[in-house]
Amino acid sequence: MSFYYSLFILLFSAIHENSPQKFIRPSNFVQSIENPYPNIAAIPLPEGYKRLPADGGSFAAWLRQLPLKKNKTVYLYNSMPKANQASQFAVIDISTGNKDLQQCADAVMRLRAEYLYGQKRYTAIDFTDNNRNHYRLPAGASRPVFNQYLEKVFAWCGTASLEKQLMPVADKRQLAAGDVLIKGGSPGHAMMVMDIAENNAGEKIFLLAQSYMPAQDMHIVLNPQNKRLSPWYQANGKLLIETPEWDFKMPCLRKWPTN
């Protein structure tokens, strides 16, 4: 592959993957810095904060044990590096697949489905499309059947349908690990709350993860508005949550019906 052809592909990806909501110029195409943290639970906290307790077997506990890749580069589904490498703190070590399917809402649904599948709660794995049609995983489904099911969900469900399926959280201070920041539509976006911590004053902070367009590695995002706190975000009374590639206007916080 020639240098000029490679450059063309990377620039095309930069234009395609950034929605009209927030365009970020490509920074470095590949990050060389390694991530020293083995999983989400190892991401350090700001001084004065402690992680909230998470019961064994809970979604919150499962999210914390998700492994992180040593390399911080975010790759697209086609193995090309994402043009914008300035958004991520760390990359979650979970497959993206080789199709342009596992985008933002798909990554959120994937994490929820993986948790329930690991617990063998097959009947709880149920997503709906825009017409409220249900896509349920058959009881006792094998891993290949589960993978095929996910591709079907990714094809027919998205931010608009997931926003309808999830339940609103009125008070952002009540957010919990596994909750979702979501704006349905085209364009729309969805991100998952991965971990929660609190200080003695009862002030909460949280981590956010996303995939994006095109389908790409799930990653913990940086906090561009508070570098001292980054990658953590404050759960305060602000009506705007500014993330590297999308800004959410409240109310946009939702939870799973069976959380």
C-alpha atoms as a PDB file:
ATOM      1  CA  MET A   1       0.000   0.000   0.000  1.00  0.00           C
ATOM      2  CA  SER A   2       1.497   3.331  -1.041  1.00  0.00           C
ATOM      3  CA  PHE A   3       2.050   6.197   1.373  1.00  0.00           C
ATOM      4  CA  TYR A   4      -0.433   8.459  -0.451  1.00  0.00           C
ATOM      5  CA  TYR A   5      -3.127   5.784  -0.575  1.00  0.00           C
ATOM      6  CA  SER A   6      -2.720   5.134   3.169  1.00  0.00           C
ATOM      7  CA  LEU A   7      -2.973   8.855   3.862  1.00  0.00           C
ATOM      8  CA  PHE A   8      -6.151   9.091   1.755  1.00  0.00           C
ATOM      9  CA  ILE A   9      -7.787   6.233   3.680  1.00  0.00           C
ATOM     10  CA  LEU A  10      -6.948   7.791   7.050  1.00  0.00           C
ATOM     11  CA  LEU A  11      -8.274  11.210   6.052  1.00  0.00           C
ATOM     12  CA  PHE A  12     -11.441   9.649   4.647  1.00  0.00           C
ATOM     13  CA  SER A  13     -11.966   7.814   7.953  1.00  0.00           C
ATOM     14  CA  ALA A  14     -11.559  11.084   9.853  1.00  0.00           C
ATOM     15  CA  ILE A  15     -14.312  12.730   7.822  1.00  0.00           C
ATOM     16  CA  HIS A  16     -16.645   9.719   7.978  1.00  0.00           C
ATOM     17  CA  GLU A  17     -16.331   8.898  11.662  1.00  0.00           C
ATOM     18  CA  ASN A  18     -17.019  12.377  13.061  1.00  0.00           C
ATOM     19  CA  SER A  19     -20.661  13.388  13.179  1.00  0.00           C
ATOM     20  CA  PRO A  20     -21.808  17.000  12.711  1.00  0.00           C
ATOM     21  CA  GLN A  21     -22.105  17.214  16.522  1.00  0.00           C
ATOM     22  CA  LYS A  22     -18.375  17.522  17.133  1.00  0.00           C
ATOM     23  CA  PHE A  23     -15.567  17.426  14.600  1.00  0.00           C
ATOM     24  CA  ILE A  24     -12.080  16.904  16.037  1.00  0.00           C
ATOM     25  CA  ARG A  25      -9.059  17.190  13.814  1.00  0.00           C
ATOM     26  CA  PRO A  26      -6.873  14.076  13.669  1.00  0.00           C
ATOM     27  CA  SER A  27      -4.038  14.197  16.173  1.00  0.00           C
ATOM     28  CA  ASN A  28      -1.560  11.377  16.001  1.00  0.00           C
ATOM     29  CA  PHE A  29      -2.605   8.351  13.970  1.00  0.00           C
ATOM     30  CA  VAL A  30      -1.078   5.797  16.350  1.00  0.00           C
ATOM     31  CA  GLN A  31      -0.372   6.165  20.036  1.00  0.00           C
ATOM     32  CA  SER A  32       2.921   4.752  21.218  1.00  0.00           C
ATOM     33  CA  ILE A  33       2.246   5.236  24.937  1.00  0.00           C
ATOM     34  CA  GLU A  34       1.327   2.058  26.782  1.00  0.00           C
ATOM     35  CA  ASN A  35      -1.484   1.798  29.296  1.00  0.00           C
ATOM     36  CA  PRO A  36      -0.207   0.590  32.709  1.00  0.00           C
ATOM     37  CA  TYR A  37      -3.612  -0.346  34.147  1.00  0.00           C
ATOM     38  CA  PRO A  38      -4.792  -3.976  33.731  1.00  0.00           C
ATOM     39  CA  ASN A  39      -8.510  -3.293  34.169  1.00  0.00           C
ATOM     40  CA  ILE A  40     -11.018  -0.560  34.913  1.00  0.00           C
ATOM     41  CA  ALA A  41     -10.787  -1.155  38.664  1.00  0.00           C
ATOM     42  CA  ALA A  42      -7.091  -0.195  38.492  1.00  0.00           C
ATOM     43  CA  ILE A  43      -7.687   3.253  36.966  1.00  0.00           C
ATOM     44  CA  PRO A  44      -6.506   5.633  39.712  1.00  0.00           C
ATOM     45  CA  LEU A  45      -8.839   7.939  41.570  1.00  0.00           C
ATOM     46  CA  PRO A  46      -8.375  11.637  42.320  1.00  0.00           C
ATOM     47  CA  GLU A  47      -7.341  12.350  45.892  1.00  0.00           C
ATOM     48  CA  GLY A  48     -10.193  12.174  48.393  1.00  0.00           C
ATOM     49  CA  TYR A  49     -12.413   9.780  46.424  1.00  0.00           C
ATOM     50  CA  LYS A  50     -13.286   6.112  46.982  1.00  0.00           C
ATOM     51  CA  ARG A  51     -15.045   3.715  44.649  1.00  0.00           C
ATOM     52  CA  LEU A  52     -18.602   2.877  45.649  1.00  0.00           C
ATOM     53  CA  PRO A  53     -19.149  -0.712  46.862  1.00  0.00           C
ATOM     54  CA  ALA A  54     -20.246  -3.145  44.158  1.00  0.00           C
ATOM     55  CA  ASP A  55     -21.880  -6.436  45.089  1.00  0.00           C
ATOM     56  CA  GLY A  56     -20.278  -9.553  43.632  1.00  0.00           C
ATOM     57  CA  GLY A  57     -22.137 -10.627  40.518  1.00  0.00           C
ATOM     58  CA  SER A  58     -23.548  -7.138  39.914  1.00  0.00           C
ATOM     59  CA  PHE A  59     -23.223  -5.296  36.620  1.00  0.00           C
ATOM     60  CA  ALA A  60     -21.059  -2.689  38.384  1.00  0.00           C
ATOM     61  CA  ALA A  61     -18.619  -5.350  39.605  1.00  0.00           C
ATOM     62  CA  TRP A  62     -18.513  -6.970  36.150  1.00  0.00           C
ATOM     63  CA  LEU A  63     -17.717  -3.667  34.451  1.00  0.00           C
ATOM     64  CA  ARG A  64     -14.836  -3.010  36.851  1.00  0.00           C
ATOM     65  CA  GLN A  65     -13.112  -6.264  35.972  1.00  0.00           C
ATOM     66  CA  LEU A  66     -13.112  -5.600  32.217  1.00  0.00           C
ATOM     67  CA  PRO A  67      -9.500  -5.832  30.985  1.00  0.00           C
ATOM     68  CA  LEU A  68      -7.726  -2.957  29.275  1.00  0.00           C
ATOM     69  CA  LYS A  69      -5.297  -3.278  26.390  1.00  0.00           C
ATOM     70  CA  LYS A  70      -1.668  -2.332  26.953  1.00  0.00           C
ATOM     71  CA  ASN A  71      -1.625  -0.296  23.750  1.00  0.00           C
ATOM     72  CA  LYS A  72      -3.769   2.845  23.760  1.00  0.00           C
ATOM     73  CA  THR A  73      -4.420   2.927  20.020  1.00  0.00           C
ATOM     74  CA  VAL A  74      -8.079   2.730  18.956  1.00  0.00           C
ATOM     75  CA  TYR A  75      -8.551   0.609  15.829  1.00  0.00           C
ATOM     76  CA  LEU A  76     -11.517   0.508  13.483  1.00  0.00           C
ATOM     77  CA  TYR A  77     -13.328  -2.696  12.536  1.00  0.00           C
ATOM     78  CA  ASN A  78     -11.125  -2.938   9.412  1.00  0.00           C
ATOM     79  CA  SER A  79      -7.910  -2.899  11.503  1.00  0.00           C
ATOM     80  CA  MET A  80      -7.069   0.663  10.456  1.00  0.00           C
ATOM     81  CA  PRO A  81      -6.158   3.059  13.290  1.00  0.00           C
ATOM     82  CA  LYS A  82      -8.802   5.650  14.044  1.00  0.00           C
ATOM     83  CA  ALA A  83      -7.735   9.043  12.723  1.00  0.00           C
ATOM     84  CA  ASN A  84      -8.503  10.833  15.998  1.00  0.00           C
ATOM     85  CA  GLN A  85      -6.346   9.317  18.742  1.00  0.00           C
ATOM     86  CA  ALA A  86      -6.883  12.208  21.176  1.00  0.00           C
ATOM     87  CA  SER A  87     -10.086  11.016  22.863  1.00  0.00           C
ATOM     88  CA  GLN A  88      -9.164   7.869  24.766  1.00  0.00           C
ATOM     89  CA  PHE A  89      -7.590   7.227  28.153  1.00  0.00           C
ATOM     90  CA  ALA A  90      -7.481   3.458  27.649  1.00  0.00           C
ATOM     91  CA  VAL A  91      -8.866   0.812  25.295  1.00  0.00           C
ATOM     92  CA  ILE A  92     -11.134  -1.971  26.558  1.00  0.00           C
ATOM     93  CA  ASP A  93      -9.945  -5.442  25.575  1.00  0.00           C
ATOM     94  CA  ILE A  94     -13.118  -6.695  23.915  1.00  0.00           C
ATOM     95  CA  SER A  95     -13.608  -7.606  20.267  1.00  0.00           C
ATOM     96  CA  THR A  96     -15.013  -5.161  17.728  1.00  0.00           C
ATOM     97  CA  GLY A  97     -15.584  -7.665  14.933  1.00  0.00           C
ATOM     98  CA  ASN A  98     -14.694  -7.158  11.269  1.00  0.00           C
ATOM     99  CA  LYS A  99     -17.952  -5.473  10.211  1.00  0.00           C
ATOM    100  CA  ASP A 100     -19.035  -1.850  10.593  1.00  0.00           C
ATOM    101  CA  LEU A 101     -21.715  -2.813  13.118  1.00  0.00           C
ATOM    102  CA  GLN A 102     -20.545  -2.323  16.711  1.00  0.00           C
ATOM    103  CA  GLN A 103     -20.872   1.446  16.890  1.00  0.00           C
ATOM    104  CA  CYS A 104     -21.993   3.567  19.866  1.00  0.00           C
ATOM    105  CA  ALA A 105     -25.355   2.130  20.979  1.00  0.00           C
ATOM    106  CA  ASP A 106     -24.222  -1.312  19.811  1.00  0.00           C
ATOM    107  CA  ALA A 107     -21.254  -1.227  22.209  1.00  0.00           C
ATOM    108  CA  VAL A 108     -23.582  -0.304  25.067  1.00  0.00           C
ATOM    109  CA  MET A 109     -25.919  -3.194  24.217  1.00  0.00           C
ATOM    110  CA  ARG A 110     -22.943  -5.536  23.771  1.00  0.00           C
ATOM    111  CA  LEU A 111     -21.649  -4.842  27.285  1.00  0.00           C
ATOM    112  CA  ARG A 112     -25.064  -5.382  28.830  1.00  0.00           C
ATOM    113  CA  ALA A 113     -25.640  -8.564  26.821  1.00  0.00           C
ATOM    114  CA  GLU A 114     -22.182  -9.977  27.651  1.00  0.00           C
ATOM    115  CA  TYR A 115     -22.813  -9.490  31.360  1.00  0.00           C
ATOM    116  CA  LEU A 116     -26.195 -11.228  31.246  1.00  0.00           C
ATOM    117  CA  TYR A 117     -24.876 -14.006  28.995  1.00  0.00           C
ATOM    118  CA  GLY A 118     -22.043 -14.715  31.428  1.00  0.00           C
ATOM    119  CA  GLN A 119     -24.629 -15.091  34.188  1.00  0.00           C
ATOM    120  CA  LYS A 120     -26.732 -17.360  31.942  1.00  0.00           C
ATOM    121  CA  ARG A 121     -29.655 -14.945  32.261  1.00  0.00           C
ATOM    122  CA  TYR A 122     -30.615 -15.624  28.662  1.00  0.00           C
ATOM    123  CA  THR A 123     -34.234 -14.442  28.853  1.00  0.00           C
ATOM    124  CA  ALA A 124     -33.086 -11.044  30.176  1.00  0.00           C
ATOM    125  CA  ILE A 125     -31.166 -10.395  26.948  1.00  0.00           C
ATOM    126  CA  ASP A 126     -33.887  -8.543  25.080  1.00  0.00           C
ATOM    127  CA  PHE A 127     -33.567  -5.448  22.893  1.00  0.00           C
ATOM    128  CA  THR A 128     -36.235  -3.642  20.893  1.00  0.00           C
ATOM    129  CA  ASP A 129     -36.152  -1.811  17.565  1.00  0.00           C
ATOM    130  CA  ASN A 130     -37.937   1.454  16.717  1.00  0.00           C
ATOM    131  CA  ASN A 131     -41.209  -0.401  16.173  1.00  0.00           C
ATOM    132  CA  ARG A 132     -40.988  -2.011  19.633  1.00  0.00           C
ATOM    133  CA  ASN A 133     -40.283  -5.407  18.113  1.00  0.00           C
ATOM    134  CA  HIS A 134     -38.353  -7.558  20.582  1.00  0.00           C
ATOM    135  CA  TYR A 135     -35.107  -9.353  19.779  1.00  0.00           C
ATOM    136  CA  ARG A 136     -34.662 -12.024  22.423  1.00  0.00           C
ATOM    137  CA  LEU A 137     -31.798 -14.470  22.811  1.00  0.00           C
ATOM    138  CA  PRO A 138     -32.923 -18.115  22.864  1.00  0.00           C
ATOM    139  CA  ALA A 139     -32.452 -19.816  26.228  1.00  0.00           C
ATOM    140  CA  GLY A 140     -29.209 -21.778  26.459  1.00  0.00           C
ATOM    141  CA  ALA A 141     -27.807 -20.196  23.288  1.00  0.00           C
ATOM    142  CA  SER A 142     -24.285 -21.258  22.335  1.00  0.00           C
ATOM    143  CA  ARG A 143     -21.572 -18.670  21.816  1.00  0.00           C
ATOM    144  CA  PRO A 144     -21.880 -18.791  17.994  1.00  0.00           C
ATOM    145  CA  VAL A 145     -25.655 -18.292  18.291  1.00  0.00           C
ATOM    146  CA  PHE A 146     -25.059 -15.426  20.724  1.00  0.00           C
ATOM    147  CA  ASN A 147     -22.638 -13.771  18.288  1.00  0.00           C
ATOM    148  CA  GLN A 148     -25.147 -14.077  15.441  1.00  0.00           C
ATOM    149  CA  TYR A 149     -27.834 -12.640  17.690  1.00  0.00           C
ATOM    150  CA  LEU A 150     -25.652  -9.613  18.493  1.00  0.00           C
ATOM    151  CA  GLU A 151     -25.111  -8.876  14.795  1.00  0.00           C
ATOM    152  CA  LYS A 152     -28.884  -8.937  14.270  1.00  0.00           C
ATOM    153  CA  VAL A 153     -29.401  -6.550  17.192  1.00  0.00           C
ATOM    154  CA  PHE A 154     -26.673  -4.217  15.915  1.00  0.00           C
ATOM    155  CA  ALA A 155     -28.350  -4.134  12.497  1.00  0.00           C
ATOM    156  CA  TRP A 156     -31.882  -3.357  13.726  1.00  0.00           C
ATOM    157  CA  CYS A 157     -31.445  -1.468  17.005  1.00  0.00           C
ATOM    158  CA  GLY A 158     -29.687   1.843  17.613  1.00  0.00           C
ATOM    159  CA  THR A 159     -29.650   5.014  19.685  1.00  0.00           C
ATOM    160  CA  ALA A 160     -33.289   5.887  18.910  1.00  0.00           C
ATOM    161  CA  SER A 161     -34.660   2.481  19.890  1.00  0.00           C
ATOM    162  CA  LEU A 162     -32.363   2.074  22.901  1.00  0.00           C
ATOM    163  CA  GLU A 163     -33.349   5.479  24.245  1.00  0.00           C
ATOM    164  CA  LYS A 164     -36.998   4.345  24.194  1.00  0.00           C
ATOM    165  CA  GLN A 165     -36.157   1.054  25.907  1.00  0.00           C
ATOM    166  CA  LEU A 166     -34.167   2.572  28.780  1.00  0.00           C
ATOM    167  CA  MET A 167     -35.694   4.327  31.788  1.00  0.00           C
ATOM    168  CA  PRO A 168     -34.963   8.013  32.545  1.00  0.00           C
ATOM    169  CA  VAL A 169     -32.881   8.947  35.591  1.00  0.00           C
ATOM    170  CA  ALA A 170     -34.147  12.317  36.766  1.00  0.00           C
ATOM    171  CA  ASP A 171     -31.310  13.180  39.162  1.00  0.00           C
ATOM    172  CA  LYS A 172     -27.793  12.842  37.765  1.00  0.00           C
ATOM    173  CA  ARG A 173     -26.484  12.484  41.323  1.00  0.00           C
ATOM    174  CA  GLN A 174     -28.260   9.116  41.448  1.00  0.00           C
ATOM    175  CA  LEU A 175     -26.338   7.671  38.513  1.00  0.00           C
ATOM    176  CA  ALA A 176     -24.887   4.156  38.811  1.00  0.00           C
ATOM    177  CA  ALA A 177     -22.367   2.056  36.938  1.00  0.00           C
ATOM    178  CA  GLY A 178     -24.069   0.620  33.859  1.00  0.00           C
ATOM    179  CA  ASP A 179     -26.245   3.695  33.297  1.00  0.00           C
ATOM    180  CA  VAL A 180     -26.242   5.196  29.812  1.00  0.00           C
ATOM    181  CA  LEU A 181     -25.853   8.720  28.481  1.00  0.00           C
ATOM    182  CA  ILE A 182     -27.856   8.700  25.274  1.00  0.00           C
ATOM    183  CA  LYS A 183     -29.227  10.967  22.568  1.00  0.00           C
ATOM    184  CA  GLY A 184     -31.311   9.058  20.069  1.00  0.00           C
ATOM    185  CA  GLY A 185     -31.384   9.949  16.404  1.00  0.00           C
ATOM    186  CA  SER A 186     -29.272  10.425  13.291  1.00  0.00           C
ATOM    187  CA  PRO A 187     -26.831  11.555  14.353  1.00  0.00           C
ATOM    188  CA  GLY A 188     -27.125  10.286  17.904  1.00  0.00           C
ATOM    189  CA  HIS A 189     -24.729   8.897  20.438  1.00  0.00           C
ATOM    190  CA  ALA A 190     -24.603   6.633  23.497  1.00  0.00           C
ATOM    191  CA  MET A 191     -21.955   6.137  26.176  1.00  0.00           C
ATOM    192  CA  MET A 192     -21.880   3.898  29.247  1.00  0.00           C
ATOM    193  CA  VAL A 193     -21.035   4.832  32.829  1.00  0.00           C
ATOM    194  CA  MET A 194     -18.300   2.323  33.704  1.00  0.00           C
ATOM    195  CA  ASP A 195     -17.437   3.122  37.324  1.00  0.00           C
ATOM    196  CA  ILE A 196     -18.481   5.436  40.165  1.00  0.00           C
ATOM    197  CA  ALA A 197     -16.549   6.979  43.059  1.00  0.00           C
ATOM    198  CA  GLU A 198     -17.498   9.394  45.842  1.00  0.00           C
ATOM    199  CA  ASN A 199     -15.796  11.709  48.333  1.00  0.00           C
ATOM    200  CA  ASN A 200     -16.715  12.464  51.949  1.00  0.00           C
ATOM    201  CA  ALA A 201     -18.980  15.298  50.838  1.00  0.00           C
ATOM    202  CA  GLY A 202     -21.067  12.854  48.795  1.00  0.00           C
ATOM    203  CA  GLU A 203     -19.858  14.241  45.462  1.00  0.00           C
ATOM    204  CA  LYS A 204     -19.755  11.582  42.747  1.00  0.00           C
ATOM    205  CA  ILE A 205     -17.410  11.137  39.828  1.00  0.00           C
ATOM    206  CA  PHE A 206     -17.700   8.609  36.991  1.00  0.00           C
ATOM    207  CA  LEU A 207     -15.899   7.032  34.035  1.00  0.00           C
ATOM    208  CA  LEU A 208     -17.377   6.928  30.523  1.00  0.00           C
ATOM    209  CA  ALA A 209     -16.781   4.474  27.675  1.00  0.00           C
ATOM    210  CA  GLN A 210     -17.808   4.602  24.038  1.00  0.00           C
ATOM    211  CA  SER A 211     -17.516   3.160  20.592  1.00  0.00           C
ATOM    212  CA  TYR A 212     -18.175   5.506  17.668  1.00  0.00           C
ATOM    213  CA  MET A 213     -18.550   5.674  13.892  1.00  0.00           C
ATOM    214  CA  PRO A 214     -17.209   3.715  12.106  1.00  0.00           C
ATOM    215  CA  ALA A 215     -17.271   0.687  14.464  1.00  0.00           C
ATOM    216  CA  GLN A 216     -14.156   0.785  16.610  1.00  0.00           C
ATOM    217  CA  ASP A 217     -12.539  -0.410  19.829  1.00  0.00           C
ATOM    218  CA  MET A 218     -14.498   0.482  22.944  1.00  0.00           C
ATOM    219  CA  HIS A 219     -12.496   2.942  25.001  1.00  0.00           C
ATOM    220  CA  ILE A 220     -12.530   4.945  28.226  1.00  0.00           C
ATOM    221  CA  VAL A 221     -12.662   8.598  27.215  1.00  0.00           C
ATOM    222  CA  LEU A 222     -10.709  11.521  28.607  1.00  0.00           C
ATOM    223  CA  ASN A 223     -12.391  14.523  30.218  1.00  0.00           C
ATOM    224  CA  PRO A 224     -11.499  17.465  27.938  1.00  0.00           C
ATOM    225  CA  GLN A 225     -13.061  20.036  30.282  1.00  0.00           C
ATOM    226  CA  ASN A 226     -11.205  19.047  33.456  1.00  0.00           C
ATOM    227  CA  LYS A 227      -7.719  17.698  32.838  1.00  0.00           C
ATOM    228  CA  ARG A 228      -7.022  17.564  36.571  1.00  0.00           C
ATOM    229  CA  LEU A 229      -9.938  15.168  37.087  1.00  0.00           C
ATOM    230  CA  SER A 230      -9.616  13.284  33.766  1.00  0.00           C
ATOM    231  CA  PRO A 231     -10.584  10.598  32.885  1.00  0.00           C
ATOM    232  CA  TRP A 232     -13.201  11.042  35.616  1.00  0.00           C
ATOM    233  CA  TYR A 233     -16.267  13.280  35.224  1.00  0.00           C
ATOM    234  CA  GLN A 234     -18.191  15.078  37.974  1.00  0.00           C
ATOM    235  CA  ALA A 235     -21.829  14.254  38.598  1.00  0.00           C
ATOM    236  CA  ASN A 236     -22.884  17.788  39.441  1.00  0.00           C
ATOM    237  CA  GLY A 237     -25.797  19.997  38.527  1.00  0.00           C
ATOM    238  CA  LYS A 238     -24.477  20.999  35.102  1.00  0.00           C
ATOM    239  CA  LEU A 239     -26.951  20.606  32.255  1.00  0.00           C
ATOM    240  CA  LEU A 240     -24.199  19.832  29.738  1.00  0.00           C
ATOM    241  CA  ILE A 241     -21.756  16.924  29.756  1.00  0.00           C
ATOM    242  CA  GLU A 242     -18.928  17.648  27.335  1.00  0.00           C
ATOM    243  CA  THR A 243     -17.026  14.582  26.129  1.00  0.00           C
ATOM    244  CA  PRO A 244     -14.279  14.483  23.479  1.00  0.00           C
ATOM    245  CA  GLU A 245     -16.579  13.720  20.540  1.00  0.00           C
ATOM    246  CA  TRP A 246     -20.089  14.475  21.753  1.00  0.00           C
ATOM    247  CA  ASP A 247     -21.876  16.895  24.088  1.00  0.00           C
ATOM    248  CA  PHE A 248     -24.891  15.612  26.007  1.00  0.00           C
ATOM    249  CA  LYS A 249     -27.613  17.976  27.168  1.00  0.00           C
ATOM    250  CA  MET A 250     -29.556  16.878  30.208  1.00  0.00           C
ATOM    251  CA  PRO A 251     -31.827  15.025  30.616  1.00  0.00           C
ATOM    252  CA  CYS A 252     -29.918  12.292  28.821  1.00  0.00           C
ATOM    253  CA  LEU A 253     -29.175   9.799  31.605  1.00  0.00           C
ATOM    254  CA  ARG A 254     -31.002   6.477  31.498  1.00  0.00           C
ATOM    255  CA  LYS A 255     -30.855   3.092  33.186  1.00  0.00           C
ATOM    256  CA  TRP A 256     -31.730  -0.474  32.298  1.00  0.00           C
ATOM    257  CA  PRO A 257     -35.242  -1.584  33.276  1.00  0.00           C
ATOM    258  CA  THR A 258     -33.793  -4.506  35.238  1.00  0.00           C
ATOM    259  CA  ASN A 259     -30.739  -2.724  36.708  1.00  0.00           C
END
